[in-house]
């Protein structure tokens, strides 16, 4: 019967985790295992979406059959040494086993086996739990909205001679999502780029949708080679982030340094958008604004007039090709920590948007060898 509440067998749990790690959806897993969707979620949520290590019995541990032999020996009044000879273990091992699980009068093989298996589930202490100083530093950076990968890269750069002050990004993720590790508060998950109660596998499939055509668009294939290879600064990517009740913010990302600028947009019509962008780029030296690559959104339909007014050439991505503005797409993902989906973006002032951009520009980036966009742009202009 679908949705039945009987316990998962070891084989069913292995199959559940195998499918989850392969990137299958909760719905697909529930259908294959003939379980309720909520039941699948409960199993995953218990360990934060991170597959627990499969328990393995040590070769030194007593087996269930050995424990049953001990129980029979006690029932017939045999001595410890006699039971030890029959089981093939030392008398001290038998004595500890009996004392640990109820004593001579209360020892039961099945109960002893259950307790022993339960004890194998005790989690090992992770590096962050053993180093309060390191855990505090990681928590502080998470609160500043640094990603675990940025933190790990920064620590390696900041403490090159100290192994005790380094931690992998995977360890940070596991400590956040597997709360039995106890070194980082679960509330810190709210500062991650994508807020989830369970960690999704990297193989999880994601969809993407393209936009339509725009008249007179100069294709990205005609963009200068120096913009393609990010060799010099001055080539930008742009896009719009949409919020509640058709509210918008324009995002500009410099390809060489990943430097970010945000622009408050009252309306999405092409005149409003292009004029707002014109005003914002006046803050930059002319040498830093050579080209702008946009998607197929009609908000840049007035691109010819924009180019005349700013001397910035506009190039458009191919239809349904968001990866051609990879820096911008990635930055928009980062910005959702500050400008979440469903938020009324009209409530953000330009000053607040500038503060958000400044925070992103002073965070280390893996693609920049964990240097910041602000540092990289400044270095390029020296």
Protein backbone atom coordinates (compact mmCIF):
# COMPACT_ATOMS: atom_id res chain seq x y z
CA UNK A 1 0.00 0.00 0.00
CA UNK A 2 1.42 3.40 -1.03
CA UNK A 3 2.22 5.66 1.88
CA UNK A 4 2.43 2.88 4.46
CA UNK A 5 4.34 3.80 7.62
CA UNK A 6 6.40 0.61 8.12
CA UNK A 7 10.09 1.07 8.82
CA UNK A 8 12.65 1.33 6.05
CA UNK A 9 14.83 -1.71 5.60
CA UNK A 10 18.59 -1.26 5.24
CA UNK A 11 18.26 -1.97 1.51
CA UNK A 12 15.48 0.61 1.10
CA UNK A 13 17.58 3.26 2.86
CA UNK A 14 20.56 2.51 0.64
CA UNK A 15 18.34 2.82 -2.44
CA UNK A 16 16.83 6.10 -1.18
CA UNK A 17 20.25 7.67 -0.61
CA UNK A 18 21.63 6.31 -3.87
CA UNK A 19 18.81 7.94 -5.85
CA UNK A 20 19.03 11.20 -3.88
CA UNK A 21 22.79 11.47 -4.51
CA UNK A 22 22.17 10.72 -8.21
CA UNK A 23 19.98 13.85 -8.34
CA UNK A 24 16.50 12.32 -8.46
CA UNK A 25 13.61 14.38 -7.11
CA UNK A 26 11.74 13.57 -3.90
CA UNK A 27 8.65 12.76 -5.97
CA UNK A 28 10.51 10.24 -8.14
CA UNK A 29 12.11 8.56 -5.12
CA UNK A 30 8.76 8.32 -3.33
CA UNK A 31 7.19 6.72 -6.42
CA UNK A 32 9.94 4.11 -6.80
CA UNK A 33 9.97 3.17 -3.09
CA UNK A 34 6.16 3.35 -2.83
CA UNK A 35 6.34 5.78 0.10
CA UNK A 36 4.74 9.06 1.06
CA UNK A 37 6.59 12.17 -0.10
CA UNK A 38 6.68 13.37 3.51
CA UNK A 39 8.24 10.10 4.62
CA UNK A 40 11.11 10.49 2.13
CA UNK A 41 11.65 14.06 3.26
CA UNK A 42 11.78 13.01 6.94
CA UNK A 43 14.59 10.54 6.25
CA UNK A 44 16.60 13.12 4.31
CA UNK A 45 15.92 15.95 6.78
CA UNK A 46 17.14 13.89 9.74
CA UNK A 47 20.71 14.20 8.45
CA UNK A 48 20.36 17.45 6.52
CA UNK A 49 20.28 15.76 3.11
CA UNK A 50 23.77 14.32 3.71
CA UNK A 51 23.98 10.53 3.47
CA UNK A 52 25.04 9.03 6.82
CA UNK A 53 27.95 6.67 6.85
CA UNK A 54 26.84 3.07 6.61
CA UNK A 55 27.42 1.29 9.87
CA UNK A 56 29.97 -1.53 9.75
CA UNK A 57 30.55 -4.03 12.51
CA UNK A 58 34.14 -4.23 13.72
CA UNK A 59 35.74 -7.65 13.36
CA UNK A 60 36.46 -7.44 17.10
CA UNK A 61 32.81 -6.89 18.04
CA UNK A 62 30.68 -9.72 19.32
CA UNK A 63 28.13 -11.05 16.82
CA UNK A 64 24.47 -11.77 17.55
CA UNK A 65 25.13 -15.53 17.49
CA UNK A 66 27.93 -15.09 20.03
CA UNK A 67 25.65 -13.04 22.27
CA UNK A 68 22.98 -15.75 22.02
CA UNK A 69 25.60 -18.31 23.10
CA UNK A 70 26.45 -16.12 26.09
CA UNK A 71 22.77 -15.89 27.01
CA UNK A 72 22.33 -19.67 26.84
CA UNK A 73 25.42 -20.16 28.98
CA UNK A 74 24.13 -17.79 31.64
CA UNK A 75 20.73 -19.49 31.64
CA UNK A 76 22.36 -22.87 32.31
CA UNK A 77 24.52 -21.42 35.13
CA UNK A 78 27.91 -21.74 33.43
CA UNK A 79 30.93 -19.79 34.61
CA UNK A 80 32.47 -16.89 32.70
CA UNK A 81 35.49 -19.01 31.74
CA UNK A 82 33.32 -21.84 30.49
CA UNK A 83 31.23 -19.46 28.35
CA UNK A 84 34.42 -17.83 27.06
CA UNK A 85 35.81 -21.23 25.91
CA UNK A 86 32.55 -22.04 24.06
CA UNK A 87 32.41 -18.64 22.35
CA UNK A 88 36.14 -18.50 21.61
CA UNK A 89 36.67 -15.19 23.38
CA UNK A 90 38.69 -14.14 26.41
CA UNK A 91 36.99 -14.27 29.83
CA UNK A 92 37.52 -10.52 30.26
CA UNK A 93 35.60 -9.83 26.99
CA UNK A 94 32.69 -11.97 28.19
CA UNK A 95 32.74 -10.35 31.63
CA UNK A 96 32.64 -6.80 30.16
CA UNK A 97 29.87 -7.74 27.75
CA UNK A 98 27.65 -9.12 30.52
CA UNK A 99 28.31 -6.18 32.88
CA UNK A 100 27.65 -3.66 30.11
CA UNK A 101 24.28 -5.14 29.18
CA UNK A 102 22.37 -5.88 32.39
CA UNK A 103 24.48 -8.32 34.40
CA UNK A 104 24.16 -12.09 34.84
CA UNK A 105 20.48 -11.97 35.85
CA UNK A 106 19.24 -9.51 33.19
CA UNK A 107 21.43 -10.17 30.13
CA UNK A 108 19.44 -10.65 26.89
CA UNK A 109 21.21 -11.24 23.56
CA UNK A 110 18.71 -9.24 21.44
CA UNK A 111 18.81 -6.22 23.78
CA UNK A 112 22.62 -6.29 23.93
CA UNK A 113 22.78 -6.39 20.13
CA UNK A 114 20.44 -3.37 19.81
CA UNK A 115 22.45 -1.30 22.32
CA UNK A 116 25.73 -2.16 20.60
CA UNK A 117 24.37 -1.11 17.20
CA UNK A 118 22.98 2.11 18.67
CA UNK A 119 26.39 2.99 20.11
CA UNK A 120 27.97 2.73 16.65
CA UNK A 121 25.79 5.67 15.52
CA UNK A 122 27.54 8.15 17.80
CA UNK A 123 29.04 10.82 15.50
CA UNK A 124 32.72 11.56 15.41
CA UNK A 125 33.80 15.03 16.42
CA UNK A 126 34.54 17.25 13.43
CA UNK A 127 37.39 19.74 13.17
CA UNK A 128 35.17 22.75 13.91
CA UNK A 129 33.88 21.13 17.11
CA UNK A 130 37.46 20.62 18.31
CA UNK A 131 38.54 24.21 17.51
CA UNK A 132 36.26 26.91 19.01
CA UNK A 133 38.47 29.66 17.54
CA UNK A 134 38.11 28.27 14.01
CA UNK A 135 34.37 27.67 14.47
CA UNK A 136 33.87 31.25 15.67
CA UNK A 137 35.76 32.62 12.65
CA UNK A 138 33.73 30.48 10.22
CA UNK A 139 30.45 31.55 11.87
CA UNK A 140 31.48 35.20 11.66
CA UNK A 141 32.15 34.95 7.93
CA UNK A 142 28.90 33.06 7.32
CA UNK A 143 27.04 35.91 9.03
CA UNK A 144 28.73 38.24 6.53
CA UNK A 145 27.21 36.05 3.79
CA UNK A 146 30.50 34.50 2.68
CA UNK A 147 30.03 31.10 1.09
CA UNK A 148 31.75 28.04 2.67
CA UNK A 149 34.02 27.84 -0.37
CA UNK A 150 35.03 31.50 0.01
CA UNK A 151 35.73 30.95 3.72
CA UNK A 152 37.86 27.86 3.05
CA UNK A 153 39.86 29.66 0.34
CA UNK A 154 40.36 32.75 2.50
CA UNK A 155 41.55 30.71 5.49
CA UNK A 156 44.09 28.90 3.33
CA UNK A 157 45.38 32.24 2.04
CA UNK A 158 45.27 33.95 5.45
CA UNK A 159 46.95 31.13 7.43
CA UNK A 160 49.30 29.40 4.97
CA UNK A 161 51.46 27.88 7.74
CA UNK A 162 48.68 26.77 10.11
CA UNK A 163 46.87 23.52 9.36
CA UNK A 164 44.78 23.99 12.50
CA UNK A 165 43.23 27.14 11.00
CA UNK A 166 42.10 25.50 7.77
CA UNK A 167 38.87 23.69 7.03
CA UNK A 168 37.34 22.44 3.79
CA UNK A 169 34.12 23.92 2.45
CA UNK A 170 32.61 20.44 2.55
CA UNK A 171 33.25 20.21 6.30
CA UNK A 172 31.52 23.57 6.80
CA UNK A 173 28.48 22.38 4.83
CA UNK A 174 28.32 19.08 6.72
CA UNK A 175 28.61 20.83 10.09
CA UNK A 176 25.73 23.14 9.15
CA UNK A 177 23.40 20.48 7.80
CA UNK A 178 24.30 17.58 10.13
CA UNK A 179 23.47 19.16 13.46
CA UNK A 180 24.76 16.26 15.56
CA UNK A 181 28.21 17.71 14.87
CA UNK A 182 27.21 20.61 17.10
CA UNK A 183 29.85 23.19 16.13
CA UNK A 184 27.77 25.68 14.09
CA UNK A 185 24.24 26.89 14.77
CA UNK A 186 21.67 25.77 12.21
CA UNK A 187 20.41 29.37 11.97
CA UNK A 188 23.57 30.17 9.97
CA UNK A 189 22.06 28.28 7.02
CA UNK A 190 19.90 31.39 6.48
CA UNK A 191 23.05 33.26 5.40
CA UNK A 192 23.91 30.79 2.64
CA UNK A 193 23.36 31.78 -0.96
CA UNK A 194 20.57 29.24 -1.35
CA UNK A 195 18.59 28.64 1.82
CA UNK A 196 17.45 25.04 2.21
CA UNK A 197 16.71 22.77 5.15
CA UNK A 198 18.48 19.87 3.43
CA UNK A 199 21.51 19.91 1.19
CA UNK A 200 20.80 18.99 -2.40
CA UNK A 201 23.30 16.93 -4.39
CA UNK A 202 25.32 18.77 -7.05
CA UNK A 203 23.74 16.47 -9.65
CA UNK A 204 20.26 17.86 -8.97
CA UNK A 205 18.78 18.97 -12.29
CA UNK A 206 17.90 22.61 -12.81
CA UNK A 207 15.90 24.12 -15.61
CA UNK A 208 16.51 27.39 -17.39
CA UNK A 209 14.43 29.43 -19.74
CA UNK A 210 15.46 31.87 -22.43
CA UNK A 211 13.85 35.06 -23.66
CA UNK A 212 12.64 36.26 -27.00
CA UNK A 213 14.03 38.20 -29.93
CA UNK A 214 14.93 41.90 -30.06
CA UNK A 215 15.07 43.96 -33.26
CA UNK A 216 18.47 45.27 -34.29
CA UNK A 217 20.40 43.22 -31.75
CA UNK A 218 24.13 43.00 -32.40
CA UNK A 219 25.01 39.34 -31.67
CA UNK A 220 27.54 38.34 -29.04
CA UNK A 221 29.60 36.70 -31.77
CA UNK A 222 30.65 40.20 -32.86
CA UNK A 223 31.87 41.20 -29.42
CA UNK A 224 35.63 42.05 -29.27
CA UNK A 225 38.01 39.20 -28.47
CA UNK A 226 39.40 41.10 -25.48
CA UNK A 227 35.91 40.94 -23.91
CA UNK A 228 35.65 37.20 -24.51
CA UNK A 229 38.93 36.31 -22.78
CA UNK A 230 38.46 38.82 -19.91
CA UNK A 231 41.96 40.09 -20.56
CA UNK A 232 41.26 43.74 -19.81
CA UNK A 233 38.65 45.55 -17.69
CA UNK A 234 35.79 47.56 -19.13
CA UNK A 235 33.51 44.89 -20.56
CA UNK A 236 30.26 44.38 -18.65
CA UNK A 237 27.30 42.02 -18.48
CA UNK A 238 23.82 43.26 -17.54
CA UNK A 239 20.45 41.90 -16.51
CA UNK A 240 17.28 42.68 -14.53
CA UNK A 241 16.19 41.11 -11.23
CA UNK A 242 12.42 41.08 -10.73
CA UNK A 243 10.65 41.38 -7.39
CA UNK A 244 7.09 41.53 -6.06
CA UNK A 245 4.48 43.56 -7.98
CA UNK A 246 6.74 44.06 -11.03
CA UNK A 247 9.57 45.82 -9.18
CA UNK A 248 13.08 45.69 -10.64
CA UNK A 249 16.78 46.23 -10.03
CA UNK A 250 19.34 46.27 -12.85
CA UNK A 251 22.62 44.44 -12.29
CA UNK A 252 25.92 45.20 -14.00
CA UNK A 253 28.97 42.92 -13.63
CA UNK A 254 32.44 43.70 -14.97
CA UNK A 255 33.80 40.57 -16.68
CA UNK A 256 37.49 40.92 -15.77
CA UNK A 257 37.07 41.63 -12.04
CA UNK A 258 33.43 40.54 -11.36
CA UNK A 259 32.89 44.01 -9.90
CA UNK A 260 29.15 44.65 -9.34
CA UNK A 261 26.96 47.73 -9.74
CA UNK A 262 23.24 47.83 -8.90
CA UNK A 263 20.76 50.30 -10.34
CA UNK A 264 17.33 51.14 -8.95
CA UNK A 265 14.75 50.90 -11.77
CA UNK A 266 11.28 52.50 -11.28
CA UNK A 267 9.78 50.81 -14.37
CA UNK A 268 10.92 48.20 -16.90
CA UNK A 269 10.19 50.16 -20.09
CA UNK A 270 13.22 50.70 -22.32
CA UNK A 271 13.39 54.49 -21.88
CA UNK A 272 13.43 54.25 -18.07
CA UNK A 273 15.96 51.42 -18.01
CA UNK A 274 18.44 52.87 -20.49
CA UNK A 275 18.35 56.31 -18.84
CA UNK A 276 18.92 54.84 -15.39
CA UNK A 277 21.89 52.87 -16.72
CA UNK A 278 23.26 55.98 -18.43
CA UNK A 279 23.22 57.89 -15.13
CA UNK A 280 24.88 55.05 -13.21
CA UNK A 281 27.77 54.49 -15.58
CA UNK A 282 28.66 58.18 -15.38
CA UNK A 283 30.24 57.25 -12.02
CA UNK A 284 32.89 55.23 -13.89
CA UNK A 285 35.95 56.40 -15.84
CA UNK A 286 35.28 56.15 -19.58
CA UNK A 287 38.06 53.54 -19.87
CA UNK A 288 36.02 51.23 -17.66
CA UNK A 289 32.88 51.18 -19.81
CA UNK A 290 33.58 49.79 -23.28
CA UNK A 291 30.90 47.18 -23.97
CA UNK A 292 27.73 45.83 -22.38
CA UNK A 293 26.35 42.34 -23.01
CA UNK A 294 22.62 41.90 -22.33
CA UNK A 295 20.07 39.15 -22.74
CA UNK A 296 17.10 39.34 -25.13
CA UNK A 297 14.91 41.42 -22.80
CA UNK A 298 13.00 44.26 -24.49
CA UNK A 299 14.12 46.68 -21.77
CA UNK A 300 17.22 47.23 -23.94
CA UNK A 301 15.26 47.76 -27.14
CA UNK A 302 16.54 51.36 -27.13
CA UNK A 303 20.14 50.11 -27.24
CA UNK A 304 21.08 52.25 -30.26
CA UNK A 305 20.23 55.50 -28.47
CA UNK A 306 21.98 54.19 -25.35
CA UNK A 307 25.17 53.62 -27.37
CA UNK A 308 25.00 57.11 -28.88
CA UNK A 309 24.56 58.67 -25.43
CA UNK A 310 27.29 56.67 -23.66
CA UNK A 311 29.65 55.43 -26.39
CA UNK A 312 29.13 51.95 -24.93
CA UNK A 313 28.45 49.25 -27.52
CA UNK A 314 25.70 46.79 -26.64
CA UNK A 315 25.83 43.10 -27.62
CA UNK A 316 23.05 40.58 -27.15
CA UNK A 317 23.23 36.92 -26.14
CA UNK A 318 21.83 34.21 -28.37
CA UNK A 319 18.26 33.14 -27.52
CA UNK A 320 18.01 30.73 -24.57
CA UNK A 321 21.73 31.04 -23.79
CA UNK A 322 22.07 32.46 -20.25
CA UNK A 323 25.55 30.92 -19.89
CA UNK A 324 26.84 33.56 -22.30
CA UNK A 325 26.43 35.97 -19.39
CA UNK A 326 27.84 33.57 -16.84
CA UNK A 327 29.29 36.20 -14.50
CA UNK A 328 25.97 38.04 -14.40
CA UNK A 329 23.94 34.87 -13.84
CA UNK A 330 26.20 33.84 -10.96
CA UNK A 331 26.04 37.31 -9.41
CA UNK A 332 22.24 37.34 -9.62
CA UNK A 333 22.29 34.14 -7.58
CA UNK A 334 24.47 35.83 -4.96
CA UNK A 335 22.16 38.83 -4.90
CA UNK A 336 19.16 36.70 -3.97
CA UNK A 337 20.60 36.62 -0.43
CA UNK A 338 19.91 40.35 -0.28
CA UNK A 339 17.06 40.71 -2.78
CA UNK A 340 15.04 37.50 -2.28
CA UNK A 341 12.39 36.30 -4.67
CA UNK A 342 9.02 37.72 -3.69
CA UNK A 343 10.52 40.86 -2.11
CA UNK A 344 9.25 44.33 -3.05
CA UNK A 345 12.40 45.75 -4.66
CA UNK A 346 10.93 49.28 -4.79
CA UNK A 347 11.58 49.52 -1.04
CA UNK A 348 15.35 49.47 -1.60
CA UNK A 349 16.93 52.90 -2.03
CA UNK A 350 19.88 53.45 -4.35
CA UNK A 351 22.06 53.96 -1.26
CA UNK A 352 21.03 50.55 0.08
CA UNK A 353 21.73 48.94 -3.29
CA UNK A 354 25.17 50.56 -3.31
CA UNK A 355 25.86 49.08 0.15
CA UNK A 356 24.87 45.60 -1.09
CA UNK A 357 27.14 45.97 -4.12
CA UNK A 358 29.99 47.12 -1.86
CA UNK A 359 29.57 44.03 0.33
CA UNK A 360 29.75 41.75 -2.72
CA UNK A 361 32.74 43.63 -4.10
CA UNK A 362 34.71 43.14 -0.88
CA UNK A 363 34.04 39.38 -0.59
CA UNK A 364 36.72 36.97 -1.88
CA UNK A 365 35.85 35.00 -5.01
CA UNK A 366 37.17 31.58 -5.93
CA UNK A 367 37.41 32.53 -9.60
CA UNK A 368 39.73 35.40 -8.57
CA UNK A 369 42.00 33.12 -6.50
CA UNK A 370 40.06 34.36 -3.47
CA UNK A 371 40.90 38.00 -4.11
CA UNK A 372 38.02 40.48 -4.01
CA UNK A 373 36.45 42.12 -7.09
CA UNK A 374 37.33 45.57 -5.71
CA UNK A 375 40.99 44.59 -5.28
CA UNK A 376 41.13 42.95 -8.72
CA UNK A 377 39.63 45.98 -10.47
CA UNK A 378 41.93 48.39 -8.66
CA UNK A 379 44.96 46.26 -9.50
CA UNK A 380 43.99 46.24 -13.18
CA UNK A 381 43.86 50.03 -13.26
CA UNK A 382 47.32 50.61 -11.73
